[in-house]
Amino acid sequence: MTEPHPRERRLVLRLLDYWRQMADERDWPQPEAVDPTAIPDMWTFCFMVDDPKRAPRLSYVGDYHKEMYGSDPTGLAFHEVQKDTLIGRSMSFISAMFSPRACR
């Protein structure tokens, strides 16, 4: 398996660091704490999921994902997301992603 491109890895680590800062002492950051202007080079590649433990729904989808999806999937519930997209594949790991230990 090849190593990810160094820039990509750095962006992922920066995003994880930002996520942890916004979460503070909580398991998850509050949605209103996320400031797109703090991560402008990454925001277009991001998406946010509301109520991940009960009824996951896309509350924000960056322009990159909208273009890849072919439309704007903002507002779609977990079961409505096209499974053959990057968002769909990411959401297939929703249980693991939303484990409190996943981002700590």
C-alpha atoms as a PDB file:
ATOM      1  CA  MET A   1       0.000   0.000   0.000  1.00  0.00           C
ATOM      2  CA  THR A   2       1.388   3.422  -0.907  1.00  0.00           C
ATOM      3  CA  GLU A   3       1.727   6.288   1.530  1.00  0.00           C
ATOM      4  CA  PRO A   4      -0.739   9.160   1.070  1.00  0.00           C
ATOM      5  CA  HIS A   5       0.551  12.306  -0.573  1.00  0.00           C
ATOM      6  CA  PRO A   6       2.289  14.376   2.166  1.00  0.00           C
ATOM      7  CA  ARG A   7       0.015  17.402   1.606  1.00  0.00           C
ATOM      8  CA  GLU A   8      -3.094  15.260   1.973  1.00  0.00           C
ATOM      9  CA  ARG A   9      -1.832  13.766   5.209  1.00  0.00           C
ATOM     10  CA  ARG A  10      -1.012  17.194   6.573  1.00  0.00           C
ATOM     11  CA  LEU A  11      -4.503  18.459   5.716  1.00  0.00           C
ATOM     12  CA  VAL A  12      -6.093  15.477   7.433  1.00  0.00           C
ATOM     13  CA  LEU A  13      -3.982  16.037  10.529  1.00  0.00           C
ATOM     14  CA  ARG A  14      -4.782  19.751  10.525  1.00  0.00           C
ATOM     15  CA  LEU A  15      -8.487  19.007  10.233  1.00  0.00           C
ATOM     16  CA  LEU A  16      -8.298  16.493  13.085  1.00  0.00           C
ATOM     17  CA  ASP A  17      -6.440  19.042  15.226  1.00  0.00           C
ATOM     18  CA  TYR A  18      -9.081  21.679  14.455  1.00  0.00           C
ATOM     19  CA  TRP A  19     -11.851  19.175  15.294  1.00  0.00           C
ATOM     20  CA  ARG A  20     -10.270  18.414  18.654  1.00  0.00           C
ATOM     21  CA  GLN A  21      -9.848  22.111  19.468  1.00  0.00           C
ATOM     22  CA  MET A  22     -13.493  22.839  18.695  1.00  0.00           C
ATOM     23  CA  ALA A  23     -14.648  19.846  20.757  1.00  0.00           C
ATOM     24  CA  ASP A  24     -12.718  21.138  23.775  1.00  0.00           C
ATOM     25  CA  GLU A  25     -13.660  18.768  26.622  1.00  0.00           C
ATOM     26  CA  ARG A  26     -16.739  17.344  24.833  1.00  0.00           C
ATOM     27  CA  ASP A  27     -16.815  14.214  22.702  1.00  0.00           C
ATOM     28  CA  TRP A  28     -17.910  16.264  19.668  1.00  0.00           C
ATOM     29  CA  PRO A  29     -17.688  19.914  18.677  1.00  0.00           C
ATOM     30  CA  GLN A  30     -20.920  21.846  18.624  1.00  0.00           C
ATOM     31  CA  PRO A  31     -21.914  22.561  14.992  1.00  0.00           C
ATOM     32  CA  GLU A  32     -22.000  26.298  15.668  1.00  0.00           C
ATOM     33  CA  ALA A  33     -18.377  26.138  16.887  1.00  0.00           C
ATOM     34  CA  VAL A  34     -17.146  25.103  13.445  1.00  0.00           C
ATOM     35  CA  ASP A  35     -15.889  28.188  11.608  1.00  0.00           C
ATOM     36  CA  PRO A  36     -15.356  27.685   7.864  1.00  0.00           C
ATOM     37  CA  THR A  37     -13.085  30.743   7.743  1.00  0.00           C
ATOM     38  CA  ALA A  38     -10.662  28.975  10.104  1.00  0.00           C
ATOM     39  CA  ILE A  39     -10.162  26.127   7.595  1.00  0.00           C
ATOM     40  CA  PRO A  40     -10.814  27.749   4.195  1.00  0.00           C
ATOM     41  CA  ASP A  41      -8.459  25.451   2.265  1.00  0.00           C
ATOM     42  CA  MET A  42     -10.307  22.383   3.573  1.00  0.00           C
ATOM     43  CA  TRP A  43     -13.921  23.532   3.904  1.00  0.00           C
ATOM     44  CA  THR A  44     -14.893  22.709   0.313  1.00  0.00           C
ATOM     45  CA  PHE A  45     -13.813  19.094   0.946  1.00  0.00           C
ATOM     46  CA  CYS A  46     -15.774  18.759   4.201  1.00  0.00           C
ATOM     47  CA  PHE A  47     -19.241  17.594   5.057  1.00  0.00           C
ATOM     48  CA  MET A  48     -21.080  17.628   8.366  1.00  0.00           C
ATOM     49  CA  VAL A  49     -23.539  15.114   9.768  1.00  0.00           C
ATOM     50  CA  ASP A  50     -26.259  16.110  12.238  1.00  0.00           C
ATOM     51  CA  ASP A  51     -27.529  13.782  14.951  1.00  0.00           C
ATOM     52  CA  PRO A  52     -25.022  11.039  14.111  1.00  0.00           C
ATOM     53  CA  LYS A  53     -26.046   8.677  16.893  1.00  0.00           C
ATOM     54  CA  ARG A  54     -29.783   8.588  16.173  1.00  0.00           C
ATOM     55  CA  ALA A  55     -30.767   9.872  12.741  1.00  0.00           C
ATOM     56  CA  PRO A  56     -27.696  10.916  10.755  1.00  0.00           C
ATOM     57  CA  ARG A  57     -28.394  13.580   8.136  1.00  0.00           C
ATOM     58  CA  LEU A  58     -26.054  15.716   6.044  1.00  0.00           C
ATOM     59  CA  SER A  59     -26.254  19.281   7.365  1.00  0.00           C
ATOM     60  CA  TYR A  60     -23.436  20.701   5.228  1.00  0.00           C
ATOM     61  CA  VAL A  61     -21.795  19.459   2.044  1.00  0.00           C
ATOM     62  CA  GLY A  62     -18.774  21.224   0.546  1.00  0.00           C
ATOM     63  CA  ASP A  63     -18.644  22.179  -3.114  1.00  0.00           C
ATOM     64  CA  TYR A  64     -16.156  19.430  -3.959  1.00  0.00           C
ATOM     65  CA  HIS A  65     -18.589  16.753  -2.781  1.00  0.00           C
ATOM     66  CA  LYS A  66     -21.563  18.419  -4.468  1.00  0.00           C
ATOM     67  CA  GLU A  67     -19.684  18.287  -7.750  1.00  0.00           C
ATOM     68  CA  MET A  68     -18.635  14.649  -7.247  1.00  0.00           C
ATOM     69  CA  TYR A  69     -22.176  13.726  -6.151  1.00  0.00           C
ATOM     70  CA  GLY A  70     -23.719  15.388  -9.188  1.00  0.00           C
ATOM     71  CA  SER A  71     -26.176  17.390  -7.083  1.00  0.00           C
ATOM     72  CA  ASP A  72     -26.493  18.864  -3.609  1.00  0.00           C
ATOM     73  CA  PRO A  73     -27.072  16.065  -1.079  1.00  0.00           C
ATOM     74  CA  THR A  74     -27.406  18.497   1.859  1.00  0.00           C
ATOM     75  CA  GLY A  75     -30.311  17.408   4.034  1.00  0.00           C
ATOM     76  CA  LEU A  76     -30.277  13.769   2.958  1.00  0.00           C
ATOM     77  CA  ALA A  77     -30.594  11.110   5.638  1.00  0.00           C
ATOM     78  CA  PHE A  78     -27.957   8.392   5.956  1.00  0.00           C
ATOM     79  CA  HIS A  79     -30.052   5.801   4.125  1.00  0.00           C
ATOM     80  CA  GLU A  80     -30.748   8.231   1.232  1.00  0.00           C
ATOM     81  CA  VAL A  81     -27.099   8.915   0.329  1.00  0.00           C
ATOM     82  CA  GLN A  82     -25.812   7.255  -2.851  1.00  0.00           C
ATOM     83  CA  LYS A  83     -23.567   4.443  -1.645  1.00  0.00           C
ATOM     84  CA  ASP A  84     -21.156   4.651  -4.610  1.00  0.00           C
ATOM     85  CA  THR A  85     -20.000   8.192  -3.719  1.00  0.00           C
ATOM     86  CA  LEU A  86     -17.231   9.349  -1.401  1.00  0.00           C
ATOM     87  CA  ILE A  87     -19.819  10.643   1.068  1.00  0.00           C
ATOM     88  CA  GLY A  88     -21.740   7.371   0.857  1.00  0.00           C
ATOM     89  CA  ARG A  89     -18.624   5.326   1.455  1.00  0.00           C
ATOM     90  CA  SER A  90     -17.604   7.569   4.347  1.00  0.00           C
ATOM     91  CA  MET A  91     -21.049   7.304   5.894  1.00  0.00           C
ATOM     92  CA  SER A  92     -20.861   3.515   5.702  1.00  0.00           C
ATOM     93  CA  PHE A  93     -18.389   3.805   8.576  1.00  0.00           C
ATOM     94  CA  ILE A  94     -20.698   6.028  10.592  1.00  0.00           C
ATOM     95  CA  SER A  95     -20.713   3.844  13.694  1.00  0.00           C
ATOM     96  CA  ALA A  96     -16.929   3.853  13.867  1.00  0.00           C
ATOM     97  CA  MET A  97     -16.638   7.536  12.974  1.00  0.00           C
ATOM     98  CA  PHE A  98     -18.982   8.609  15.722  1.00  0.00           C
ATOM     99  CA  SER A  99     -17.457   6.541  18.455  1.00  0.00           C
ATOM    100  CA  PRO A 100     -16.167   9.046  21.037  1.00  0.00           C
ATOM    101  CA  ARG A 101     -12.725   7.413  20.864  1.00  0.00           C
ATOM    102  CA  ALA A 102     -12.460   7.833  17.086  1.00  0.00           C
ATOM    103  CA  CYS A 103     -11.502  11.501  17.191  1.00  0.00           C
ATOM    104  CA  ARG A 104      -9.747  11.747  20.539  1.00  0.00           C
END
